[in-house]
Each structure stands twice: as structure tokens, then as C-alpha cells.
N, C-alpha and C. Protein backbone atom coordinates (compact mmCIF):
# COMPACT_ATOMS: atom_id res chain seq x y z
N MET A 1 0.80 -1.35 -0.13
CA MET A 1 0.11 -0.12 -0.09
C MET A 1 1.21 1.33 -0.09
N ALA A 2 0.55 2.00 -0.72
CA ALA A 2 1.22 3.41 -0.85
C ALA A 2 0.85 4.15 0.24
N LEU A 3 1.86 5.17 1.03
CA LEU A 3 2.04 5.94 1.68
C LEU A 3 0.62 7.09 1.81
N GLU A 4 0.33 7.37 0.72
CA GLU A 4 -0.35 8.49 0.48
C GLU A 4 -1.78 7.74 0.59
N ASP A 5 -1.91 6.25 0.69
CA ASP A 5 -3.29 5.79 0.78
C ASP A 5 -3.67 5.32 2.35
N ILE A 6 -2.79 5.29 3.02
CA ILE A 6 -2.95 5.13 4.40
C ILE A 6 -3.76 6.07 5.17
N ARG A 7 -4.96 5.76 5.51
CA ARG A 7 -5.70 6.83 6.40
C ARG A 7 -6.74 6.16 7.24
N ARG A 8 -7.42 6.55 8.11
CA ARG A 8 -8.53 6.27 8.89
C ARG A 8 -9.53 7.27 9.07
N GLU A 9 -10.51 6.66 9.65
CA GLU A 9 -11.42 7.87 10.13
C GLU A 9 -11.51 8.07 11.70
N TYR A 10 -11.74 9.33 11.97
CA TYR A 10 -11.73 9.63 13.60
C TYR A 10 -13.23 9.56 13.92
N SER A 11 -13.53 8.78 15.18
CA SER A 11 -14.98 8.50 15.32
C SER A 11 -15.29 8.23 16.67
N GLN A 12 -13.99 8.78 17.39
CA GLN A 12 -14.49 8.57 19.14
C GLN A 12 -15.53 9.71 19.55
N GLY A 13 -15.65 10.83 18.90
CA GLY A 13 -16.62 11.78 19.62
C GLY A 13 -15.57 12.99 19.19
N GLY A 14 -16.30 14.27 19.18
CA GLY A 14 -15.87 15.48 19.19
C GLY A 14 -15.49 16.27 20.48
N LEU A 15 -15.33 17.32 20.48
CA LEU A 15 -14.79 18.07 21.74
C LEU A 15 -15.63 19.65 21.33
N ARG A 16 -16.37 20.00 22.24
CA ARG A 16 -17.15 21.32 22.15
C ARG A 16 -16.63 22.20 23.22
N ARG A 17 -17.00 23.64 23.00
CA ARG A 17 -16.55 24.54 23.93
C ARG A 17 -16.97 24.43 25.62
N LYS A 18 -18.60 23.96 25.52
CA LYS A 18 -19.40 23.83 26.78
C LYS A 18 -18.54 22.59 27.47
N ASP A 19 -17.87 21.58 26.88
CA ASP A 19 -17.26 20.60 27.63
C ASP A 19 -15.92 21.06 28.31
N LEU A 20 -15.21 22.27 27.80
CA LEU A 20 -13.84 22.47 28.05
C LEU A 20 -13.76 23.44 29.67
N ASN A 21 -12.94 22.72 30.32
CA ASN A 21 -12.99 23.25 31.69
C ASN A 21 -12.14 24.85 31.43
N HIS A 22 -12.56 25.95 32.00
CA HIS A 22 -12.05 27.30 31.62
C HIS A 22 -10.24 27.26 32.07
N ASP A 23 -9.83 26.25 32.71
CA ASP A 23 -8.48 26.31 33.19
C ASP A 23 -7.89 25.08 32.61
N PRO A 24 -6.81 25.50 31.76
CA PRO A 24 -6.37 24.21 30.61
C PRO A 24 -5.61 23.45 31.46
N ILE A 25 -5.06 23.46 32.78
CA ILE A 25 -4.32 22.86 33.52
C ILE A 25 -5.42 21.28 34.09
N LYS A 26 -6.45 21.84 34.40
CA LYS A 26 -7.45 21.20 34.96
C LYS A 26 -8.11 19.95 33.73
N GLN A 27 -8.41 20.79 32.61
CA GLN A 27 -8.65 20.28 31.37
C GLN A 27 -7.66 19.16 31.23
N PHE A 28 -6.09 19.51 31.04
CA PHE A 28 -5.19 18.61 30.72
C PHE A 28 -5.00 17.32 31.75
N ASN A 29 -5.17 17.73 33.19
CA ASN A 29 -5.43 16.62 33.95
C ASN A 29 -6.53 15.69 33.99
N LEU A 30 -7.67 16.34 33.41
CA LEU A 30 -8.87 15.31 33.05
C LEU A 30 -8.34 14.38 32.01
N TRP A 31 -7.81 14.87 30.84
CA TRP A 31 -7.47 14.13 29.37
C TRP A 31 -6.58 13.00 29.93
N LEU A 32 -5.56 13.46 30.84
CA LEU A 32 -4.42 12.69 31.37
C LEU A 32 -4.94 11.56 32.23
N GLU A 33 -5.93 11.85 32.81
CA GLU A 33 -6.49 10.59 33.72
C GLU A 33 -7.28 9.81 32.93
N GLN A 34 -7.61 10.31 31.90
CA GLN A 34 -8.40 9.36 31.22
C GLN A 34 -7.71 8.42 30.19
N ALA A 35 -6.22 8.98 29.86
CA ALA A 35 -5.54 8.44 28.89
C ALA A 35 -4.89 7.00 30.20
N ILE A 36 -4.68 7.32 31.07
CA ILE A 36 -4.19 6.53 32.25
C ILE A 36 -5.25 5.46 32.57
N LYS A 37 -6.45 5.78 32.46
CA LYS A 37 -7.76 4.69 32.62
C LYS A 37 -7.77 3.72 31.47
N ALA A 38 -7.40 4.21 30.50
CA ALA A 38 -7.65 3.78 29.19
C ALA A 38 -6.30 2.91 29.05
N LYS A 39 -5.44 2.76 29.87
CA LYS A 39 -4.41 2.01 29.97
C LYS A 39 -3.61 2.11 28.38
N LEU A 40 -3.26 3.39 28.05
CA LEU A 40 -2.46 3.55 26.96
C LEU A 40 -1.04 3.37 27.59
N MET A 41 -0.03 3.06 26.45
CA MET A 41 1.21 2.92 26.62
C MET A 41 2.20 3.93 27.07
N ASP A 42 2.71 4.17 27.99
CA ASP A 42 3.44 5.62 28.47
C ASP A 42 2.52 6.80 28.17
N PRO A 43 1.65 7.14 29.01
CA PRO A 43 0.51 8.02 28.77
C PRO A 43 1.03 9.35 29.22
N THR A 44 2.17 9.43 29.88
CA THR A 44 2.92 10.42 30.66
C THR A 44 4.19 11.12 29.33
N ALA A 45 4.12 10.10 28.12
CA ALA A 45 5.47 10.49 27.54
C ALA A 45 5.10 11.77 26.77
N MET A 46 6.26 12.90 26.54
CA MET A 46 5.89 13.62 25.68
C MET A 46 6.88 14.10 24.84
N THR A 47 6.73 15.08 23.63
CA THR A 47 7.77 15.16 23.08
C THR A 47 8.17 16.77 23.17
N VAL A 48 9.64 16.55 23.82
CA VAL A 48 10.15 18.19 23.88
C VAL A 48 11.08 18.85 22.62
N ALA A 49 10.63 19.82 22.42
CA ALA A 49 11.03 20.25 20.77
C ALA A 49 11.98 21.72 21.68
N THR A 50 13.26 21.70 20.86
CA THR A 50 14.03 23.13 21.31
C THR A 50 14.85 23.28 20.22
N VAL A 51 15.45 24.41 20.12
CA VAL A 51 16.31 24.87 19.12
C VAL A 51 17.57 25.04 19.36
N ASP A 52 18.62 24.82 18.33
CA ASP A 52 20.02 25.04 18.78
C ASP A 52 20.34 26.58 18.31
N GLN A 53 21.76 26.72 18.30
CA GLN A 53 22.22 28.29 18.19
C GLN A 53 22.05 28.72 16.94
N ALA A 54 22.10 27.59 16.22
CA ALA A 54 21.96 27.54 14.18
C ALA A 54 20.35 27.82 14.08
N GLY A 55 19.66 27.51 14.98
CA GLY A 55 18.16 27.59 14.42
C GLY A 55 17.72 26.37 14.04
N GLN A 56 18.58 25.10 14.39
CA GLN A 56 18.08 23.74 14.05
C GLN A 56 17.06 23.30 15.16
N PRO A 57 15.96 22.93 14.77
CA PRO A 57 15.16 22.21 15.79
C PRO A 57 15.44 20.67 16.27
N PHE A 58 15.28 20.14 17.36
CA PHE A 58 15.41 18.99 17.75
C PHE A 58 14.44 18.51 18.58
N GLN A 59 14.08 17.35 18.57
CA GLN A 59 12.97 16.75 19.54
C GLN A 59 13.43 15.38 20.00
N ARG A 60 12.86 15.14 20.98
CA ARG A 60 13.23 13.67 21.91
C ARG A 60 12.15 13.71 22.84
N ILE A 61 11.78 12.31 23.32
CA ILE A 61 10.66 12.06 24.16
C ILE A 61 11.18 11.93 25.43
N VAL A 62 10.25 12.28 26.58
CA VAL A 62 10.85 12.45 27.75
C VAL A 62 9.44 11.86 28.49
N LEU A 63 9.44 11.99 29.86
CA LEU A 63 8.14 11.69 30.70
C LEU A 63 7.81 12.72 31.60
N LEU A 64 6.76 13.20 31.61
CA LEU A 64 6.23 14.24 32.29
C LEU A 64 6.35 13.67 33.92
N LYS A 65 6.77 14.40 34.60
CA LYS A 65 7.03 13.99 36.42
C LYS A 65 6.18 14.60 37.19
N HIS A 66 5.79 15.96 36.71
CA HIS A 66 5.08 16.82 37.86
C HIS A 66 4.15 17.76 36.91
N LEU A 67 2.98 17.93 37.48
CA LEU A 67 2.11 19.06 36.81
C LEU A 67 1.49 19.86 37.95
N ASP A 68 1.54 21.20 37.78
CA ASP A 68 0.60 21.81 38.35
C ASP A 68 0.39 23.15 38.04
N GLU A 69 -0.22 24.33 38.88
CA GLU A 69 -0.65 25.31 38.27
C GLU A 69 0.79 26.11 37.55
N ASN A 70 1.95 25.90 38.16
CA ASN A 70 2.96 26.54 37.48
C ASN A 70 3.65 25.93 36.45
N GLY A 71 3.15 24.72 35.73
CA GLY A 71 3.53 24.18 34.68
C GLY A 71 3.98 22.66 34.76
N PHE A 72 4.59 22.23 33.76
CA PHE A 72 5.10 20.97 33.35
C PHE A 72 6.46 20.71 33.36
N VAL A 73 6.67 19.55 34.48
CA VAL A 73 8.18 19.21 34.96
C VAL A 73 8.82 18.00 34.16
N PHE A 74 10.18 17.84 33.77
CA PHE A 74 10.74 16.80 33.55
C PHE A 74 12.11 16.82 33.98
N TYR A 75 12.79 15.69 34.14
CA TYR A 75 14.13 15.88 34.45
C TYR A 75 15.30 15.29 33.66
N THR A 76 16.33 15.63 33.59
CA THR A 76 17.29 15.29 32.39
C THR A 76 18.76 15.47 32.91
N ASN A 77 19.81 15.18 32.46
CA ASN A 77 21.12 15.75 32.33
C ASN A 77 21.26 17.07 32.23
N LEU A 78 22.00 17.82 32.81
CA LEU A 78 21.95 19.20 32.68
C LEU A 78 23.07 19.69 31.80
N GLY A 79 23.51 18.51 31.15
CA GLY A 79 24.68 18.83 30.24
C GLY A 79 24.30 18.14 28.87
N SER A 80 23.17 17.92 29.01
CA SER A 80 22.73 17.21 27.76
C SER A 80 22.37 18.23 26.51
N ARG A 81 22.06 17.55 25.12
CA ARG A 81 21.98 18.52 24.23
C ARG A 81 20.83 19.43 24.30
N LYS A 82 19.63 19.11 24.90
CA LYS A 82 18.38 19.60 25.09
C LYS A 82 18.57 20.85 26.01
N ALA A 83 19.27 20.37 27.38
CA ALA A 83 19.79 21.53 28.28
C ALA A 83 20.51 22.62 27.76
N GLN A 84 21.41 22.13 26.86
CA GLN A 84 22.48 23.18 26.22
C GLN A 84 21.61 23.87 25.40
N HIS A 85 20.53 23.35 24.69
CA HIS A 85 19.68 24.31 23.74
C HIS A 85 18.76 25.55 24.85
N ILE A 86 18.21 24.81 25.68
CA ILE A 86 17.36 25.59 26.62
C ILE A 86 18.28 26.85 27.27
N GLU A 87 19.57 26.54 27.54
CA GLU A 87 20.69 27.47 28.07
C GLU A 87 20.46 28.67 27.12
N HIS A 88 20.50 28.46 25.91
CA HIS A 88 20.45 29.27 24.88
C HIS A 88 19.27 29.98 24.38
N ASN A 89 18.04 29.39 24.46
CA ASN A 89 16.95 29.87 24.05
C ASN A 89 15.80 28.86 25.08
N SER A 90 15.13 29.27 25.99
CA SER A 90 14.58 28.75 26.87
C SER A 90 12.98 28.63 26.51
N LYS A 91 12.92 28.94 25.28
CA LYS A 91 11.64 28.73 24.74
C LYS A 91 11.20 27.35 24.32
N VAL A 92 10.64 26.61 24.48
CA VAL A 92 10.31 24.98 24.03
C VAL A 92 8.97 24.86 24.00
N SER A 93 8.54 23.84 23.17
CA SER A 93 7.20 23.07 22.98
C SER A 93 7.06 21.94 23.41
N LEU A 94 5.99 21.09 24.01
CA LEU A 94 5.70 19.89 24.24
C LEU A 94 4.57 19.16 23.35
N HIS A 95 4.60 18.17 23.46
CA HIS A 95 3.46 17.29 22.41
C HIS A 95 3.01 16.20 23.13
N PHE A 96 1.73 15.76 23.70
CA PHE A 96 1.41 14.47 23.94
C PHE A 96 0.66 14.06 22.97
N PRO A 97 0.95 12.79 22.51
CA PRO A 97 0.18 11.84 21.37
C PRO A 97 -0.46 10.70 21.95
N TRP A 98 -2.08 11.24 22.07
CA TRP A 98 -2.71 10.06 22.74
C TRP A 98 -3.54 9.51 21.74
N HIS A 99 -2.77 8.51 20.84
CA HIS A 99 -3.42 8.22 19.53
C HIS A 99 -4.45 7.36 19.56
N ASN A 100 -4.63 6.52 20.43
CA ASN A 100 -5.85 5.60 20.89
C ASN A 100 -6.94 6.41 21.18
N LEU A 101 -6.90 7.58 21.88
CA LEU A 101 -8.10 8.07 22.35
C LEU A 101 -8.24 9.42 21.21
N GLU A 102 -7.65 9.54 19.99
CA GLU A 102 -7.71 10.34 18.76
C GLU A 102 -7.51 11.74 19.37
N ARG A 103 -6.53 11.88 20.48
CA ARG A 103 -6.28 13.13 20.95
C ARG A 103 -4.95 13.48 20.82
N GLN A 104 -4.42 14.75 21.05
CA GLN A 104 -3.21 15.39 21.06
C GLN A 104 -3.34 16.89 22.04
N VAL A 105 -2.36 16.80 22.68
CA VAL A 105 -2.24 17.91 23.33
C VAL A 105 -0.90 18.80 23.21
N HIS A 106 -0.67 20.06 22.66
CA HIS A 106 0.48 20.93 22.10
C HIS A 106 0.84 21.99 23.17
N VAL A 107 1.86 22.05 23.93
CA VAL A 107 2.29 23.14 24.45
C VAL A 107 3.11 24.06 24.30
N THR A 108 3.15 25.09 24.56
CA THR A 108 4.50 26.09 24.01
C THR A 108 4.86 27.11 25.50
N GLY A 109 6.00 27.15 25.80
CA GLY A 109 6.03 27.75 27.06
C GLY A 109 7.61 27.95 27.28
N VAL A 110 7.94 28.40 28.33
CA VAL A 110 9.63 28.56 28.79
C VAL A 110 9.86 27.80 29.61
N ALA A 111 11.04 27.48 29.60
CA ALA A 111 11.62 26.47 30.59
C ALA A 111 12.71 27.27 31.68
N GLU A 112 12.49 26.75 32.95
CA GLU A 112 13.08 27.08 33.93
C GLU A 112 13.87 26.35 34.59
N LYS A 113 14.84 26.27 35.25
CA LYS A 113 15.43 25.12 36.26
C LYS A 113 14.57 25.05 37.56
N MET A 114 14.68 23.50 37.84
CA MET A 114 14.09 23.59 39.38
C MET A 114 15.27 23.65 40.44
N SER A 115 14.64 23.65 41.53
CA SER A 115 15.43 24.21 42.78
C SER A 115 16.27 23.13 43.09
N ALA A 116 17.28 23.05 43.67
CA ALA A 116 18.10 22.08 44.41
C ALA A 116 17.18 21.02 45.37
N VAL A 117 16.47 21.94 45.87
CA VAL A 117 15.43 20.95 46.83
C VAL A 117 14.66 19.93 46.09
N GLU A 118 13.96 20.62 44.90
CA GLU A 118 13.04 19.95 44.40
C GLU A 118 13.66 18.78 43.38
N ASN A 119 14.86 19.13 43.09
CA ASN A 119 15.75 18.10 42.30
C ASN A 119 15.90 16.88 43.51
N MET A 120 16.49 17.16 44.89
CA MET A 120 16.82 16.13 45.57
C MET A 120 15.37 15.20 45.84
N LYS A 121 14.42 16.08 46.05
CA LYS A 121 13.05 15.40 46.55
C LYS A 121 12.79 14.38 45.33
N TYR A 122 12.65 14.60 43.94
CA TYR A 122 12.45 13.56 43.14
C TYR A 122 13.56 12.73 42.97
N PHE A 123 14.88 12.93 43.09
CA PHE A 123 15.91 12.12 42.82
C PHE A 123 15.99 10.98 43.84
N VAL A 124 15.57 11.16 44.82
CA VAL A 124 15.63 10.17 46.10
C VAL A 124 14.58 9.15 46.21
N SER A 125 13.37 9.62 45.26
CA SER A 125 12.13 8.60 44.90
C SER A 125 12.23 7.86 43.98
N ARG A 126 13.47 8.15 43.14
CA ARG A 126 13.80 6.83 41.81
C ARG A 126 14.22 5.64 42.44
N PRO A 127 14.10 4.67 41.67
CA PRO A 127 14.55 3.51 41.92
C PRO A 127 16.16 3.66 41.98
N LYS A 128 16.78 2.71 42.80
CA LYS A 128 18.28 3.03 42.66
C LYS A 128 18.84 2.84 41.28
N GLU A 129 18.30 1.99 40.60
CA GLU A 129 18.89 1.54 39.42
C GLU A 129 18.98 2.79 38.54
N SER A 130 17.76 3.65 38.39
CA SER A 130 17.66 4.72 37.87
C SER A 130 18.57 6.04 38.44
N GLN A 131 18.67 5.80 39.72
CA GLN A 131 19.63 6.78 40.11
C GLN A 131 21.23 6.53 39.48
N LEU A 132 21.39 5.32 39.58
CA LEU A 132 22.75 5.03 39.17
C LEU A 132 22.77 5.27 37.47
N ALA A 133 22.06 4.94 36.62
CA ALA A 133 22.07 5.37 35.36
C ALA A 133 21.98 7.02 35.25
N ALA A 134 21.39 7.78 35.78
CA ALA A 134 21.78 9.10 35.87
C ALA A 134 22.84 9.62 36.07
N MET A 135 23.82 8.79 37.01
CA MET A 135 25.06 9.15 37.46
C MET A 135 26.32 8.72 36.38
N ALA A 136 25.68 7.49 35.78
CA ALA A 136 26.65 6.93 34.77
C ALA A 136 26.52 7.61 33.28
N SER A 137 25.35 8.01 32.90
CA SER A 137 25.52 8.44 31.65
C SER A 137 25.77 10.03 31.28
N LYS A 138 26.76 10.34 30.50
CA LYS A 138 26.82 11.57 30.15
C LYS A 138 26.12 11.88 29.14
N GLN A 139 24.83 12.35 29.16
CA GLN A 139 23.78 12.13 28.14
C GLN A 139 24.40 13.18 26.95
N SER A 140 23.89 12.42 25.72
CA SER A 140 24.39 13.24 24.46
C SER A 140 25.69 13.08 23.93
N SER A 141 26.59 12.65 24.87
CA SER A 141 28.03 12.60 24.39
C SER A 141 28.14 11.33 23.81
N ARG A 142 29.37 11.30 22.86
CA ARG A 142 29.57 10.25 21.72
C ARG A 142 30.36 9.15 22.63
N LEU A 143 29.87 7.85 22.24
CA LEU A 143 30.37 6.67 23.13
C LEU A 143 30.84 5.79 21.88
N SER A 144 31.97 5.31 22.47
CA SER A 144 32.97 4.23 21.47
C SER A 144 31.92 2.81 21.34
N THR A 145 31.51 2.33 22.25
CA THR A 145 30.86 1.11 22.35
C THR A 145 29.94 1.18 23.46
N ARG A 146 28.90 0.40 23.63
CA ARG A 146 27.89 0.31 24.98
C ARG A 146 28.47 -0.15 26.17
N GLY A 147 29.50 -0.82 25.83
CA GLY A 147 30.27 -1.62 27.00
C GLY A 147 30.89 -0.33 28.08
N VAL A 148 31.26 0.74 27.32
CA VAL A 148 31.96 1.86 28.09
C VAL A 148 30.77 2.47 29.15
N LEU A 149 29.71 2.59 28.62
CA LEU A 149 28.55 3.23 29.46
C LEU A 149 28.19 1.94 30.49
N GLU A 150 27.84 0.50 30.05
CA GLU A 150 27.85 -0.52 31.28
C GLU A 150 28.78 -0.56 31.99
N GLY A 151 29.89 -0.36 31.51
CA GLY A 151 31.23 -0.57 32.49
C GLY A 151 31.07 0.51 33.61
N LYS A 152 30.59 1.65 33.30
CA LYS A 152 30.60 2.89 34.11
C LYS A 152 29.12 2.68 35.29
N TYR A 153 28.44 2.05 34.74
CA TYR A 153 27.19 1.57 35.32
C TYR A 153 27.63 0.76 36.48
N LEU A 154 28.52 -0.25 36.35
CA LEU A 154 28.66 -1.44 37.10
C LEU A 154 29.89 -1.01 38.10
N GLU A 155 30.48 0.03 37.55
CA GLU A 155 31.58 0.56 38.50
C GLU A 155 30.71 1.56 39.84
N LEU A 156 29.80 2.25 39.38
CA LEU A 156 28.78 3.07 40.26
C LEU A 156 28.13 2.01 41.00
N LYS A 157 27.70 0.91 40.63
CA LYS A 157 26.79 0.15 41.29
C LYS A 157 27.63 -0.44 42.50
N GLN A 158 28.57 -0.72 42.47
CA GLN A 158 29.48 -1.53 43.19
C GLN A 158 30.17 -0.37 44.29
N LYS A 159 30.18 0.83 43.84
CA LYS A 159 30.72 1.97 44.68
C LYS A 159 29.63 2.06 45.72
N PHE A 160 28.67 2.18 45.17
CA PHE A 160 27.42 2.59 46.18
C PHE A 160 26.55 1.31 46.37
N ALA A 161 26.82 0.21 46.72
CA ALA A 161 26.25 -0.89 47.07
C ALA A 161 25.73 -0.83 48.25
N LYS A 162 26.24 -0.09 49.11
CA LYS A 162 26.02 -0.31 50.68
C LYS A 162 25.46 1.16 51.22
N GLY A 163 25.51 2.42 50.16
CA GLY A 163 25.27 3.56 50.63
C GLY A 163 24.11 4.23 49.77
N ASP A 164 23.86 5.41 50.08
CA ASP A 164 23.03 6.26 49.41
C ASP A 164 23.86 7.00 48.32
N ILE A 165 22.91 7.18 47.29
CA ILE A 165 23.47 7.85 46.00
C ILE A 165 23.26 9.27 46.23
N PRO A 166 24.21 10.11 45.99
CA PRO A 166 24.25 11.49 46.15
C PRO A 166 23.49 12.22 44.72
N VAL A 167 22.84 13.14 44.79
CA VAL A 167 22.37 13.79 43.61
C VAL A 167 23.36 14.56 42.81
N PRO A 168 23.70 13.87 41.59
CA PRO A 168 24.64 14.51 40.72
C PRO A 168 24.33 16.02 40.52
N SER A 169 25.62 16.66 40.57
CA SER A 169 25.51 18.00 40.36
C SER A 169 25.03 18.38 38.91
N PHE A 170 25.35 17.22 37.88
CA PHE A 170 24.96 17.68 36.58
C PHE A 170 23.52 17.14 36.11
N TRP A 171 22.86 17.08 37.26
CA TRP A 171 21.29 16.33 36.73
C TRP A 171 20.15 17.10 37.68
N GLY A 172 19.12 17.32 36.84
CA GLY A 172 18.07 18.10 37.23
C GLY A 172 16.99 18.17 36.41
N GLY A 173 15.81 19.11 37.10
CA GLY A 173 14.63 19.21 36.31
C GLY A 173 14.45 20.58 35.85
N TYR A 174 13.55 20.47 34.67
CA TYR A 174 13.20 21.79 34.18
C TYR A 174 11.62 21.96 34.40
N ARG A 175 10.88 23.11 34.75
CA ARG A 175 9.56 23.33 34.61
C ARG A 175 9.19 24.36 33.25
N ILE A 176 8.22 23.73 32.54
CA ILE A 176 7.65 24.49 31.30
C ILE A 176 6.38 25.15 31.70
N ARG A 177 6.86 26.74 31.97
CA ARG A 177 5.81 27.62 32.38
C ARG A 177 4.68 27.56 30.98
N PRO A 178 3.54 27.14 31.01
CA PRO A 178 2.95 27.27 29.45
C PRO A 178 2.64 28.69 29.38
N GLU A 179 2.43 29.17 27.89
CA GLU A 179 2.24 30.40 27.53
C GLU A 179 0.99 30.26 26.50
N SER A 180 0.68 28.75 26.01
CA SER A 180 -0.25 28.22 25.14
C SER A 180 -0.45 26.63 25.41
N ILE A 181 -1.71 26.31 25.18
CA ILE A 181 -1.97 24.79 25.24
C ILE A 181 -3.00 24.45 24.43
N GLU A 182 -3.11 23.69 23.48
CA GLU A 182 -3.95 23.41 22.47
C GLU A 182 -4.39 21.91 22.71
N PHE A 183 -5.70 21.80 22.76
CA PHE A 183 -6.43 20.62 22.88
C PHE A 183 -6.78 20.01 21.44
N TRP A 184 -6.32 19.15 21.12
CA TRP A 184 -6.88 18.34 19.69
C TRP A 184 -7.62 17.16 19.73
N GLN A 185 -8.67 17.46 19.30
CA GLN A 185 -9.86 15.98 19.20
C GLN A 185 -10.06 15.54 17.82
N GLY A 186 -9.66 14.16 17.43
CA GLY A 186 -10.10 13.97 16.07
C GLY A 186 -11.39 13.97 15.69
N GLY A 187 -11.64 14.24 14.67
CA GLY A 187 -13.25 14.33 14.37
C GLY A 187 -13.75 13.59 12.62
N GLU A 188 -14.83 13.42 12.49
CA GLU A 188 -15.06 12.38 11.53
C GLU A 188 -15.04 13.25 10.29
N HIS A 189 -14.42 13.02 9.34
CA HIS A 189 -14.34 13.65 7.67
C HIS A 189 -13.06 14.60 7.97
N ARG A 190 -11.95 14.34 8.84
CA ARG A 190 -11.03 15.33 8.97
C ARG A 190 -11.44 16.63 9.69
N LEU A 191 -12.79 16.71 10.13
CA LEU A 191 -13.38 17.98 10.79
C LEU A 191 -12.80 18.11 12.30
N HIS A 192 -11.44 17.91 12.60
CA HIS A 192 -11.05 17.71 13.91
C HIS A 192 -11.50 19.09 14.70
N ASP A 193 -11.46 19.04 15.77
CA ASP A 193 -11.90 20.10 16.74
C ASP A 193 -10.51 20.69 17.80
N ARG A 194 -10.15 21.63 17.71
CA ARG A 194 -9.02 22.15 18.16
C ARG A 194 -9.37 23.51 19.15
N PHE A 195 -8.87 23.64 20.20
CA PHE A 195 -8.99 24.79 21.06
C PHE A 195 -7.81 25.04 21.65
N LEU A 196 -7.41 26.23 21.42
CA LEU A 196 -6.01 26.90 21.99
C LEU A 196 -6.66 27.66 22.99
N PHE A 197 -6.06 27.43 24.28
CA PHE A 197 -5.62 28.15 25.40
C PHE A 197 -4.59 29.21 25.45
N SER A 198 -4.49 30.70 25.13
CA SER A 198 -3.56 31.69 25.38
C SER A 198 -3.38 32.29 26.41
N LYS A 199 -2.00 32.15 27.09
CA LYS A 199 -2.03 32.94 28.55
C LYS A 199 -2.08 34.62 28.11
N GLN A 200 -3.11 35.38 29.04
CA GLN A 200 -3.25 36.65 28.68
C GLN A 200 -2.34 37.38 29.89
N GLN A 201 -1.77 38.37 29.60
CA GLN A 201 -0.94 39.06 30.57
C GLN A 201 -1.80 40.21 31.22
N ASP A 202 -2.79 40.58 30.50
CA ASP A 202 -3.74 41.80 31.25
C ASP A 202 -5.44 41.05 30.96
N GLY A 203 -6.24 41.68 31.17
CA GLY A 203 -7.69 41.46 31.44
C GLY A 203 -8.43 40.61 32.51
N GLU A 204 -9.45 40.19 32.52
CA GLU A 204 -10.17 39.57 33.35
C GLU A 204 -9.90 38.25 33.43
N SER A 205 -9.74 37.69 32.29
CA SER A 205 -9.47 36.24 32.05
C SER A 205 -7.88 35.89 32.01
N GLN A 206 -7.52 34.93 32.79
CA GLN A 206 -6.26 34.39 32.53
C GLN A 206 -5.82 33.92 31.48
N TRP A 207 -6.88 33.15 30.70
CA TRP A 207 -6.63 32.44 29.31
C TRP A 207 -7.87 33.02 28.39
N GLN A 208 -7.34 33.18 27.17
CA GLN A 208 -8.10 33.30 25.87
C GLN A 208 -8.28 32.05 25.36
N ILE A 209 -9.56 31.49 24.95
CA ILE A 209 -9.88 30.49 24.40
C ILE A 209 -10.17 30.57 23.32
N ASP A 210 -9.85 29.91 22.13
CA ASP A 210 -10.08 30.15 20.47
C ASP A 210 -10.45 28.77 19.89
N ARG A 211 -11.17 28.77 19.35
CA ARG A 211 -11.38 27.44 18.68
C ARG A 211 -10.75 27.73 16.96
N LEU A 212 -9.84 26.70 16.84
CA LEU A 212 -9.13 26.49 15.36
C LEU A 212 -9.62 25.90 14.20
N ALA A 213 -9.39 26.21 13.31
CA ALA A 213 -9.73 25.30 12.22
C ALA A 213 -8.54 24.28 12.05
N PRO A 214 -9.57 22.88 11.71
CA PRO A 214 -8.29 21.61 11.67
C PRO A 214 -7.65 21.99 10.54
């Protein structure tokens, strides 16, 4: 079958303005809860898009680890490529693809580093294997073989076999403070429903809601 012939109908239902919560964070939490209840694979997975100094966009998938009225949180190596991009340009976008529910959420915002206390609180909650992996991997650096990475992991595992693992100085989180949040619901005949929440600096309402053409 040719690529241009691959298509399907979206038929799980529409999205109407009357069904939207006026707070996009609450609306997102509702959809996330429904994605979890539907047992989607990796419902907290999100694509993070950044731009390097030459203007080249990059994307990668990370996991959402916290969400509140202040924004979306993920953790990473602070020397990674994405962290270097954010240091140069803190504007990023996030994308949540919940295909089985025929839904997508797109977020634009500004990234800021989490505090040392917040980093420590999350780091100590992780399984020890994940803590060791964070310490062993110099994320985005070039490796000659996988054995180099595995060897470093085993070295650290032996070193901290009987003790707590300190939070690496090169590891931490980012909070994305949203400036816009778009909710996309698939519709029949490609008449999809899209609602864009835009952060308002002034005015009575904190968010402006607009319906977008599919």
C-alpha cells in the first residue's frame, strides 16, 4: 500500500466549548487521567522540542514527572543537548500524542530550572537503578561502544552498593511554564476539533480560548 493511501476515520467523538474546563491545566489533568484509565502505553510520554544556536530544531521523548498550576516538569542531564539548547533559548514546546483516544495536546512555554530541593526530592524517590543510570550517563556525548556505558554503571553500582547515591551536580529538572495549550480531538471527515488556550498578560480572564480550524 502506498503511503498516501494510508488513512483512517476519526470517530471517537468531538470536543465542544461547553465541555472544556476554563482552566487548561485542569482540562489537561482530566485528559491525562482518562489516558491512564484507558491503559495507554506511556501516557505521560511527551515530545520536547528545542532549538540550537543555528536555529535547527530538535525533538526527543521524555516523561512528564509533575504538573501543577506553575507548569510541566521533566528531569534530565543538565549537560545534555536539550539542556544546552534551553540555556541558549528557553522557549520550548511539548507534545502529548494519545493516538488511541484520538487526542493530542500541544504546549508552548518557557523552561526554567528546578530548585536543588525539588531535584533532590525527586531523585531520592527514583529506583536505585535509575539513580545509577543518571550518574553513569553523560547524556548526548559520543560513545565508542555500549560497553563503556555498562562498565561505568557497574562501577558505580559497586561503589554505592551499601550507601545512598548523592544527587549528581549535573542532573536536575525543568519546569515549562505554559504560554499556550492546545487540545486536539479527532473528528469525522477530518473535521477535527481544536481549542487553543493562550495566556493573557492583562484582562479579566487569565486564558483566552479560541477554536481553531482543523
